[in-house]
Amino acid sequence: MTDGDRHEFRTTASRIEYEGAILALRVDDVVMPGDATAVREVVEHFGAVAIVAIDEHDQIVMVDQYRHPVGDRLWELPAGLLDEPGESPVAAAQRELMEETGLSARTWAVLVDAAVSPGMTDEAIRVFVAQDLQDIDRPDPEHEEADMHIHRIPLADAVRKVLNGDIVNATAIAGILALDVARRNDVALRSVDAPWSTRPTKLAQRRHPSGE
């Protein structure tokens, strides 16, 4: 099949079945090959950012926190939602790094973009690498973050934790392995304002149609 022969998956109807604080459930009628129509459920999401913050000793900053959907505490990167109207991804990453770890960074780049679970959700995440770290004041944490613990571990140890199953958070896996590969192969990273074609927009546009 050539690119010109590819089917156009048209949405003929769409409805919102549930609207929550940080997500929505949308149901679409989609035209399949052969002109049959199938129902597809889509979890709409704001999108998110995460940060691989690495210090001068090649240690990365990680957190462990309770995640209710899996009923466990997970090793994760500092991360957060893109739910502030008008806030750029890098500004959101800088805010989350400060709020979760009490750190700022002078040097930023895009490390990797990931579609989290494209079979069911439009959620996508942009992972930044942050360097030249500085300590700053951290706001008082709330909810799960009040039980969050901050760690610095060597990048090589983090890679091993991924491969032995201690780190299972998908965003952390992507960020840790991407940084390791980039450093080993001297890969030039993208600028903080690099295009991001898979960034979700539907939920944010419906909640904040003016962008404010």
Protein backbone atom coordinates (compact mmCIF):
# COMPACT_ATOMS: atom_id res chain seq x y z
CA MET A 1 0.00 0.00 0.00
CA THR A 2 1.36 3.40 -0.97
CA ASP A 3 0.81 6.58 1.03
CA GLY A 4 -1.73 7.65 -1.59
CA ASP A 5 -3.78 4.52 -0.91
CA ARG A 6 -4.10 5.09 2.83
CA HIS A 7 -7.62 5.29 4.23
CA GLU A 8 -8.90 8.58 5.64
CA PHE A 9 -10.35 7.89 9.09
CA ARG A 10 -13.10 10.53 9.21
CA THR A 11 -15.02 11.33 12.38
CA THR A 12 -18.72 11.71 11.55
CA ALA A 13 -20.05 12.35 15.06
CA SER A 14 -18.56 13.15 18.45
CA ARG A 15 -19.98 13.50 21.95
CA ILE A 16 -18.64 14.06 25.46
CA GLU A 17 -19.77 11.32 27.86
CA TYR A 18 -17.87 12.51 30.94
CA GLU A 19 -16.13 15.73 31.95
CA GLY A 20 -13.78 15.49 34.92
CA ALA A 21 -11.29 17.81 36.57
CA ILE A 22 -8.25 16.68 34.57
CA LEU A 23 -9.73 14.59 31.76
CA ALA A 24 -12.81 13.96 29.66
CA LEU A 25 -14.23 10.92 27.89
CA ARG A 26 -15.18 11.56 24.26
CA VAL A 27 -16.96 9.04 22.04
CA ASP A 28 -16.40 9.32 18.27
CA ASP A 29 -18.03 7.61 15.31
CA VAL A 30 -15.19 6.90 12.86
CA VAL A 31 -15.37 5.69 9.25
CA MET A 32 -13.28 2.54 8.83
CA PRO A 33 -11.89 0.94 5.64
CA GLY A 34 -14.83 -0.48 3.68
CA ASP A 35 -17.03 2.42 4.87
CA ALA A 36 -18.14 0.71 8.08
CA THR A 37 -18.51 3.03 11.08
CA ALA A 38 -16.95 2.10 14.42
CA VAL A 39 -17.25 3.69 17.85
CA ARG A 40 -13.98 4.82 19.43
CA GLU A 41 -13.64 6.02 23.03
CA VAL A 42 -11.01 8.68 23.64
CA VAL A 43 -9.77 9.95 27.00
CA GLU A 44 -9.00 13.63 26.44
CA HIS A 45 -6.08 15.03 28.42
CA PHE A 46 -4.33 18.37 28.87
CA GLY A 47 -0.92 16.88 28.13
CA ALA A 48 2.01 17.03 30.50
CA VAL A 49 5.68 17.80 30.95
CA ALA A 50 8.42 15.99 32.83
CA ILE A 51 12.00 16.84 33.68
CA VAL A 52 15.23 14.86 33.79
CA ALA A 53 17.19 17.21 36.04
CA ILE A 54 20.85 16.17 36.12
CA ASP A 55 23.50 17.69 38.37
CA GLU A 56 27.24 18.15 38.02
CA HIS A 57 27.84 14.68 39.48
CA ASP A 58 25.73 12.95 36.80
CA GLN A 59 22.96 12.34 39.32
CA ILE A 60 19.34 12.76 38.26
CA VAL A 61 16.62 14.08 40.53
CA MET A 62 13.77 11.62 41.05
CA VAL A 63 10.74 11.49 43.30
CA ASP A 64 8.82 8.61 44.75
CA GLN A 65 5.15 9.24 45.36
CA TYR A 66 1.88 7.40 45.81
CA ARG A 67 -0.19 6.86 42.66
CA HIS A 68 -3.74 5.88 43.50
CA PRO A 69 -4.72 4.22 40.18
CA VAL A 70 -1.97 1.61 40.65
CA GLY A 71 -2.16 1.63 44.45
CA ASP A 72 1.59 1.95 44.90
CA ARG A 73 4.48 4.36 45.28
CA LEU A 74 6.46 4.81 42.07
CA TRP A 75 9.87 6.19 41.15
CA GLU A 76 9.16 9.10 38.82
CA LEU A 77 10.58 12.22 37.24
CA PRO A 78 9.28 15.60 38.41
CA ALA A 79 6.25 16.19 36.18
CA GLY A 80 2.92 17.94 35.87
CA LEU A 81 -0.04 18.85 33.69
CA LEU A 82 -0.24 21.50 31.00
CA ASP A 83 -3.43 22.84 32.54
CA GLU A 84 -2.49 26.51 32.99
CA PRO A 85 -3.93 28.60 30.11
CA GLY A 86 -1.24 30.32 28.08
CA GLU A 87 1.67 28.62 29.85
CA SER A 88 4.35 27.25 27.52
CA PRO A 89 5.63 23.69 28.03
CA VAL A 90 9.04 24.86 29.22
CA ALA A 91 7.47 27.34 31.66
CA ALA A 92 5.30 24.53 33.01
CA ALA A 93 8.38 22.33 33.38
CA GLN A 94 10.24 25.08 35.24
CA ARG A 95 7.27 25.56 37.55
CA GLU A 96 6.91 21.84 38.25
CA LEU A 97 10.63 21.42 38.95
CA MET A 98 10.44 24.24 41.48
CA GLU A 99 7.22 23.04 43.10
CA GLU A 100 8.21 19.39 43.42
CA THR A 101 11.94 19.62 44.16
CA GLY A 102 12.83 23.20 45.13
CA LEU A 103 15.22 23.47 42.17
CA SER A 104 15.72 25.74 39.20
CA ALA A 105 17.96 25.15 36.18
CA ARG A 106 19.87 27.47 33.87
CA THR A 107 20.06 25.12 30.87
CA TRP A 108 17.05 23.46 29.23
CA ALA A 109 16.45 21.33 26.13
CA VAL A 110 13.79 18.98 24.79
CA LEU A 111 14.80 15.38 25.41
CA VAL A 112 11.90 13.31 24.05
CA ASP A 113 8.18 13.52 23.19
CA ALA A 114 5.91 10.56 23.87
CA ALA A 115 2.31 9.56 23.19
CA VAL A 116 1.45 7.88 26.46
CA SER A 117 -1.20 5.34 25.39
CA PRO A 118 -2.42 6.26 21.89
CA GLY A 119 -4.90 3.40 21.67
CA MET A 120 -7.17 5.09 24.22
CA THR A 121 -6.03 8.64 25.01
CA ASP A 122 -4.62 11.73 23.32
CA GLU A 123 -2.33 12.27 26.33
CA ALA A 124 1.19 13.19 25.29
CA ILE A 125 4.16 14.29 27.33
CA ARG A 126 7.23 16.36 26.56
CA VAL A 127 10.30 15.44 28.60
CA PHE A 128 12.94 18.11 29.11
CA VAL A 129 16.50 17.79 30.33
CA ALA A 130 17.51 20.45 32.85
CA GLN A 131 21.12 21.21 33.83
CA ASP A 132 23.06 23.71 35.94
CA LEU A 133 20.77 23.19 38.91
CA GLN A 134 20.25 25.64 41.77
CA ASP A 135 18.40 25.30 45.06
CA ILE A 136 15.43 27.63 45.56
CA ASP A 137 12.47 27.75 47.93
CA ARG A 138 9.88 25.01 47.50
CA PRO A 139 6.20 25.74 48.24
CA ASP A 140 4.48 23.69 50.92
CA PRO A 141 3.34 20.46 49.22
CA GLU A 142 -0.26 19.26 49.25
CA HIS A 143 -2.13 15.95 48.81
CA GLU A 144 0.10 13.15 47.45
CA GLU A 145 3.02 15.55 47.15
CA ALA A 146 3.04 15.95 50.94
CA ASP A 147 4.19 12.31 51.05
CA MET A 148 6.65 12.71 48.15
CA HIS A 149 10.34 11.96 48.73
CA ILE A 150 13.12 13.46 46.62
CA HIS A 151 16.22 11.48 45.64
CA ARG A 152 19.35 12.00 43.58
CA ILE A 153 20.69 8.87 41.94
CA PRO A 154 23.46 8.35 39.37
CA LEU A 155 22.16 8.14 35.81
CA ALA A 156 23.78 4.72 35.40
CA ASP A 157 21.91 3.45 38.47
CA ALA A 158 18.65 4.84 37.11
CA VAL A 159 19.19 2.93 33.85
CA ARG A 160 19.73 -0.25 35.86
CA LYS A 161 16.57 0.42 37.86
CA VAL A 162 14.65 0.67 34.58
CA LEU A 163 16.04 -2.60 33.27
CA ASN A 164 15.53 -4.54 36.51
CA GLY A 165 11.93 -3.36 36.89
CA ASP A 166 12.32 -1.00 39.85
CA ILE A 167 11.31 1.99 37.69
CA VAL A 168 8.06 1.26 35.84
CA ASN A 169 6.65 4.74 35.21
CA ALA A 170 6.62 5.03 31.41
CA THR A 171 7.63 8.69 31.33
CA ALA A 172 10.58 8.05 33.63
CA ILE A 173 11.67 5.10 31.49
CA ALA A 174 11.52 7.21 28.32
CA GLY A 175 13.40 10.13 29.84
CA ILE A 176 16.12 8.12 31.54
CA LEU A 177 16.89 5.92 28.55
CA ALA A 178 16.70 8.84 26.11
CA LEU A 179 19.21 10.85 28.14
CA ASP A 180 21.55 7.87 28.43
CA VAL A 181 21.44 7.27 24.65
CA ALA A 182 21.83 10.97 23.85
CA ARG A 183 24.90 11.30 26.06
CA ARG A 184 26.53 8.11 24.79
CA ASN A 185 26.04 9.16 21.16
CA ASP A 186 26.57 12.91 21.52
CA VAL A 187 23.12 13.64 20.09
CA ALA A 188 22.19 17.30 19.70
CA LEU A 189 18.94 17.97 21.55
CA ARG A 190 16.06 20.18 20.39
CA SER A 191 15.39 23.69 21.61
CA VAL A 192 12.72 24.25 24.25
CA ASP A 193 10.32 25.72 21.67
CA ALA A 194 10.72 22.89 19.14
CA PRO A 195 7.49 21.91 17.33
CA TRP A 196 5.33 19.36 19.16
CA SER A 197 2.83 17.90 16.72
CA THR A 198 1.20 15.42 19.13
CA ARG A 199 0.49 17.90 21.94
CA PRO A 200 -3.19 17.44 22.86
CA THR A 201 -5.41 20.48 22.41
CA LYS A 202 -9.09 19.48 22.42
CA LEU A 203 -9.66 19.47 26.19
CA ALA A 204 -7.80 22.74 26.74
CA GLN A 205 -9.59 24.46 23.85
CA ARG A 206 -12.99 23.42 25.19
CA ARG A 207 -12.19 24.50 28.77
CA HIS A 208 -10.40 27.71 27.79
CA PRO A 209 -11.63 28.72 24.30
CA SER A 210 -9.96 32.13 24.52
CA GLY A 211 -6.66 30.63 25.68
CA GLU A 212 -6.91 32.49 28.99
